[in-house]
Structures are given as structure tokens and as C-alpha cells.
């Protein structure tokens, strides 16, 4: 058994462009090998496409998609 203390939990900062915590968490899930800038390009590129193809706000569409995917339990 380890004798060290448990590492303290780090707070997740909101993403810099939209200031949304859910977008930041999703960005951290997409990120591989610590390459956050690549994950940002992917997400912000997708948000730009959403903004072009619909008249809705991209973050609203993202949050609606999260609600639709979540189990109903």
C-alpha cells in the first residue's frame, strides 16, 4: 500500500473561446497524448461548421446533443 497522500483534484478551467466548462471537459476527452491545441482545432472547427450550417449558437447545439445522448435513467 502506498504511504503517500492522494493527489489533490485539479479544477477544470472553462475553455478560452466560449467560457464553457462542458466544452472544456469534452476537449479533454478528445485530447490524445496531451495535445490540447489539436483538440481545440477539432472542436472549434466543428463549431464553425455548425455556425455556418445552422442559425443556432454552436454551444447550444453541443449542449442539446449532450442531453440527447445521455441516458434517461
N, C-alpha and C. Protein backbone atom coordinates (compact mmCIF):
# COMPACT_ATOMS: atom_id res chain seq x y z
N UNK A 1 0.83 -1.18 0.00
CA UNK A 1 0.00 0.00 0.00
C UNK A 1 0.88 1.24 0.00
N UNK A 2 0.39 2.24 -0.69
CA UNK A 2 1.14 3.48 -0.81
C UNK A 2 1.05 4.28 0.48
N UNK A 3 2.13 4.93 0.80
CA UNK A 3 2.15 5.76 2.01
C UNK A 3 2.00 7.23 1.68
N UNK A 4 1.94 7.53 0.42
CA UNK A 4 1.80 8.92 0.01
C UNK A 4 0.35 9.38 0.14
N UNK A 5 0.20 10.69 0.16
CA UNK A 5 -1.14 11.28 0.15
C UNK A 5 -1.74 11.13 -1.24
N UNK A 6 -3.03 11.14 -1.30
CA UNK A 6 -3.71 11.14 -2.59
C UNK A 6 -3.48 12.50 -3.26
N UNK A 7 -3.29 12.49 -4.55
CA UNK A 7 -3.07 13.73 -5.28
C UNK A 7 -4.34 14.57 -5.24
N UNK A 8 -4.21 15.88 -5.02
CA UNK A 8 -5.41 16.72 -4.97
C UNK A 8 -6.04 16.84 -6.36
N UNK A 9 -7.36 16.94 -6.37
CA UNK A 9 -8.09 17.10 -7.63
C UNK A 9 -7.81 18.48 -8.19
N UNK A 10 -7.62 18.53 -9.50
CA UNK A 10 -7.39 19.81 -10.17
C UNK A 10 -8.71 20.33 -10.71
N UNK A 11 -8.90 21.62 -10.63
CA UNK A 11 -10.11 22.22 -11.18
C UNK A 11 -9.96 22.34 -12.69
N UNK A 12 -11.03 22.06 -13.39
CA UNK A 12 -11.04 22.20 -14.84
C UNK A 12 -11.42 23.63 -15.17
N UNK A 13 -10.57 24.28 -15.95
CA UNK A 13 -10.85 25.66 -16.35
C UNK A 13 -11.75 25.66 -17.57
N UNK A 14 -12.66 26.62 -17.67
CA UNK A 14 -13.50 26.69 -18.87
C UNK A 14 -12.68 26.97 -20.11
N UNK A 15 -13.21 26.59 -21.26
CA UNK A 15 -12.45 26.78 -22.50
C UNK A 15 -12.30 28.28 -22.79
N UNK A 16 -11.21 28.65 -23.46
CA UNK A 16 -10.92 30.09 -23.64
C UNK A 16 -11.87 30.82 -24.59
N UNK A 17 -12.43 30.13 -25.57
CA UNK A 17 -13.23 30.81 -26.58
C UNK A 17 -14.66 31.05 -26.12
N UNK A 18 -15.30 30.03 -25.55
CA UNK A 18 -16.71 30.14 -25.17
C UNK A 18 -16.91 30.29 -23.66
N UNK A 19 -15.91 29.96 -22.87
CA UNK A 19 -16.04 30.05 -21.42
C UNK A 19 -16.98 29.01 -20.85
N UNK A 20 -17.06 27.86 -21.51
CA UNK A 20 -17.99 26.82 -21.12
C UNK A 20 -17.22 25.64 -20.54
N UNK A 21 -17.67 25.15 -19.38
CA UNK A 21 -16.99 24.04 -18.71
C UNK A 21 -17.24 22.72 -19.43
N UNK A 22 -18.43 22.52 -19.99
CA UNK A 22 -18.73 21.27 -20.69
C UNK A 22 -17.88 21.13 -21.95
N UNK A 23 -17.66 22.22 -22.64
CA UNK A 23 -16.81 22.19 -23.84
C UNK A 23 -15.38 21.85 -23.43
N UNK A 24 -14.92 22.39 -22.31
CA UNK A 24 -13.56 22.10 -21.84
C UNK A 24 -13.41 20.64 -21.47
N UNK A 25 -14.42 20.07 -20.81
CA UNK A 25 -14.37 18.65 -20.45
C UNK A 25 -14.37 17.78 -21.70
N UNK A 26 -15.18 18.14 -22.68
CA UNK A 26 -15.22 17.38 -23.93
C UNK A 26 -13.88 17.49 -24.65
N UNK A 27 -13.28 18.66 -24.60
CA UNK A 27 -11.98 18.86 -25.23
C UNK A 27 -10.93 17.97 -24.56
N UNK A 28 -11.00 17.84 -23.25
CA UNK A 28 -10.05 16.98 -22.54
C UNK A 28 -10.27 15.51 -22.89
N UNK A 29 -11.50 15.12 -23.19
CA UNK A 29 -11.77 13.74 -23.58
C UNK A 29 -11.24 13.45 -24.98
N UNK A 30 -11.33 14.41 -25.87
CA UNK A 30 -10.86 14.23 -27.24
C UNK A 30 -9.34 14.25 -27.30
N UNK A 31 -8.72 14.99 -26.40
CA UNK A 31 -7.27 15.18 -26.43
C UNK A 31 -6.54 13.84 -26.30
N UNK A 32 -5.54 13.63 -27.17
CA UNK A 32 -4.69 12.46 -27.07
C UNK A 32 -3.24 12.89 -26.95
N UNK A 33 -2.50 12.20 -26.13
CA UNK A 33 -1.08 12.46 -25.90
C UNK A 33 -0.82 13.89 -25.44
N UNK A 34 -1.77 14.51 -24.76
CA UNK A 34 -1.57 15.84 -24.22
C UNK A 34 -1.60 16.96 -25.23
N UNK A 35 -2.08 16.69 -26.43
CA UNK A 35 -2.09 17.71 -27.49
C UNK A 35 -3.43 18.45 -27.48
N UNK A 36 -3.51 19.41 -26.60
CA UNK A 36 -4.75 20.16 -26.43
C UNK A 36 -5.03 21.08 -27.60
N UNK A 37 -3.98 21.61 -28.22
CA UNK A 37 -4.18 22.52 -29.35
C UNK A 37 -4.84 21.79 -30.52
N UNK A 38 -4.50 20.52 -30.72
CA UNK A 38 -5.13 19.74 -31.78
C UNK A 38 -6.60 19.51 -31.46
N UNK A 39 -6.90 19.20 -30.19
CA UNK A 39 -8.29 19.01 -29.78
C UNK A 39 -9.08 20.31 -29.94
N UNK A 40 -8.47 21.45 -29.64
CA UNK A 40 -9.14 22.74 -29.82
C UNK A 40 -9.47 22.97 -31.28
N UNK A 41 -8.52 22.68 -32.17
CA UNK A 41 -8.76 22.86 -33.60
C UNK A 41 -9.92 22.00 -34.07
N UNK A 42 -9.99 20.77 -33.60
CA UNK A 42 -11.07 19.86 -34.00
C UNK A 42 -12.42 20.40 -33.53
N UNK A 43 -12.51 20.75 -32.25
CA UNK A 43 -13.78 21.19 -31.69
C UNK A 43 -14.21 22.54 -32.26
N UNK A 44 -13.29 23.50 -32.31
CA UNK A 44 -13.65 24.81 -32.83
C UNK A 44 -13.96 24.76 -34.32
N UNK A 45 -13.31 23.87 -35.05
CA UNK A 45 -13.64 23.67 -36.47
C UNK A 45 -15.05 23.13 -36.63
N UNK A 46 -15.41 22.17 -35.77
CA UNK A 46 -16.76 21.62 -35.81
C UNK A 46 -17.79 22.69 -35.43
N UNK A 47 -17.46 23.53 -34.44
CA UNK A 47 -18.37 24.60 -34.05
C UNK A 47 -18.54 25.62 -35.17
N UNK A 48 -17.47 25.90 -35.92
CA UNK A 48 -17.57 26.81 -37.06
C UNK A 48 -18.50 26.24 -38.12
N UNK A 49 -18.41 24.93 -38.36
CA UNK A 49 -19.30 24.28 -39.33
C UNK A 49 -20.76 24.36 -38.87
N UNK A 50 -20.98 24.16 -37.58
CA UNK A 50 -22.34 24.25 -37.03
C UNK A 50 -22.88 25.66 -37.22
N UNK A 51 -22.04 26.66 -36.97
CA UNK A 51 -22.47 28.06 -37.11
C UNK A 51 -22.80 28.38 -38.57
N UNK A 52 -22.05 27.81 -39.52
CA UNK A 52 -22.31 28.07 -40.93
C UNK A 52 -23.60 27.41 -41.40
N UNK A 53 -23.83 26.17 -40.97
CA UNK A 53 -24.95 25.39 -41.49
C UNK A 53 -26.27 25.66 -40.78
N UNK A 54 -26.23 26.19 -39.58
CA UNK A 54 -27.48 26.48 -38.87
C UNK A 54 -27.43 27.90 -38.33
N UNK A 55 -28.58 28.39 -37.94
CA UNK A 55 -28.63 29.75 -37.40
C UNK A 55 -28.55 29.75 -35.88
N UNK A 56 -28.28 28.58 -35.29
CA UNK A 56 -28.22 28.47 -33.83
C UNK A 56 -26.79 28.66 -33.34
N UNK A 57 -26.68 28.94 -32.08
CA UNK A 57 -25.37 29.09 -31.43
C UNK A 57 -24.73 27.71 -31.29
N UNK A 58 -23.44 27.55 -31.64
CA UNK A 58 -22.80 26.24 -31.60
C UNK A 58 -22.79 25.59 -30.22
N UNK A 59 -22.63 26.38 -29.17
CA UNK A 59 -22.59 25.80 -27.82
C UNK A 59 -23.96 25.26 -27.44
N UNK A 60 -25.02 25.94 -27.87
CA UNK A 60 -26.37 25.46 -27.60
C UNK A 60 -26.62 24.13 -28.30
N UNK A 61 -26.17 24.01 -29.53
CA UNK A 61 -26.32 22.76 -30.28
C UNK A 61 -25.53 21.65 -29.59
N UNK A 62 -24.33 21.96 -29.11
CA UNK A 62 -23.50 20.99 -28.41
C UNK A 62 -24.17 20.51 -27.14
N UNK A 63 -24.71 21.43 -26.34
CA UNK A 63 -25.37 21.05 -25.10
C UNK A 63 -26.64 20.25 -25.37
N UNK A 64 -27.37 20.59 -26.42
CA UNK A 64 -28.56 19.82 -26.81
C UNK A 64 -28.16 18.40 -27.20
N UNK A 65 -27.05 18.26 -27.93
CA UNK A 65 -26.56 16.94 -28.32
C UNK A 65 -26.17 16.12 -27.09
N UNK A 66 -25.57 16.76 -26.10
CA UNK A 66 -25.22 16.05 -24.87
C UNK A 66 -26.46 15.56 -24.14
N UNK A 67 -27.52 16.38 -24.14
CA UNK A 67 -28.77 15.96 -23.50
C UNK A 67 -29.39 14.78 -24.22
N UNK A 68 -29.31 14.77 -25.55
CA UNK A 68 -29.90 13.70 -26.34
C UNK A 68 -29.15 12.38 -26.16
N UNK A 69 -27.85 12.45 -25.92
CA UNK A 69 -27.03 11.24 -25.81
C UNK A 69 -27.11 10.64 -24.42
N UNK A 70 -27.37 11.45 -23.42
CA UNK A 70 -27.39 10.99 -22.03
C UNK A 70 -28.51 9.98 -21.80
N UNK A 71 -28.27 8.96 -20.98
CA UNK A 71 -29.34 8.01 -20.69
C UNK A 71 -30.47 8.67 -19.90
N UNK A 72 -31.66 8.16 -20.06
CA UNK A 72 -32.84 8.78 -19.45
C UNK A 72 -32.99 8.47 -17.96
N UNK A 73 -32.34 7.46 -17.47
CA UNK A 73 -32.40 6.97 -16.09
C UNK A 73 -32.81 7.93 -15.10
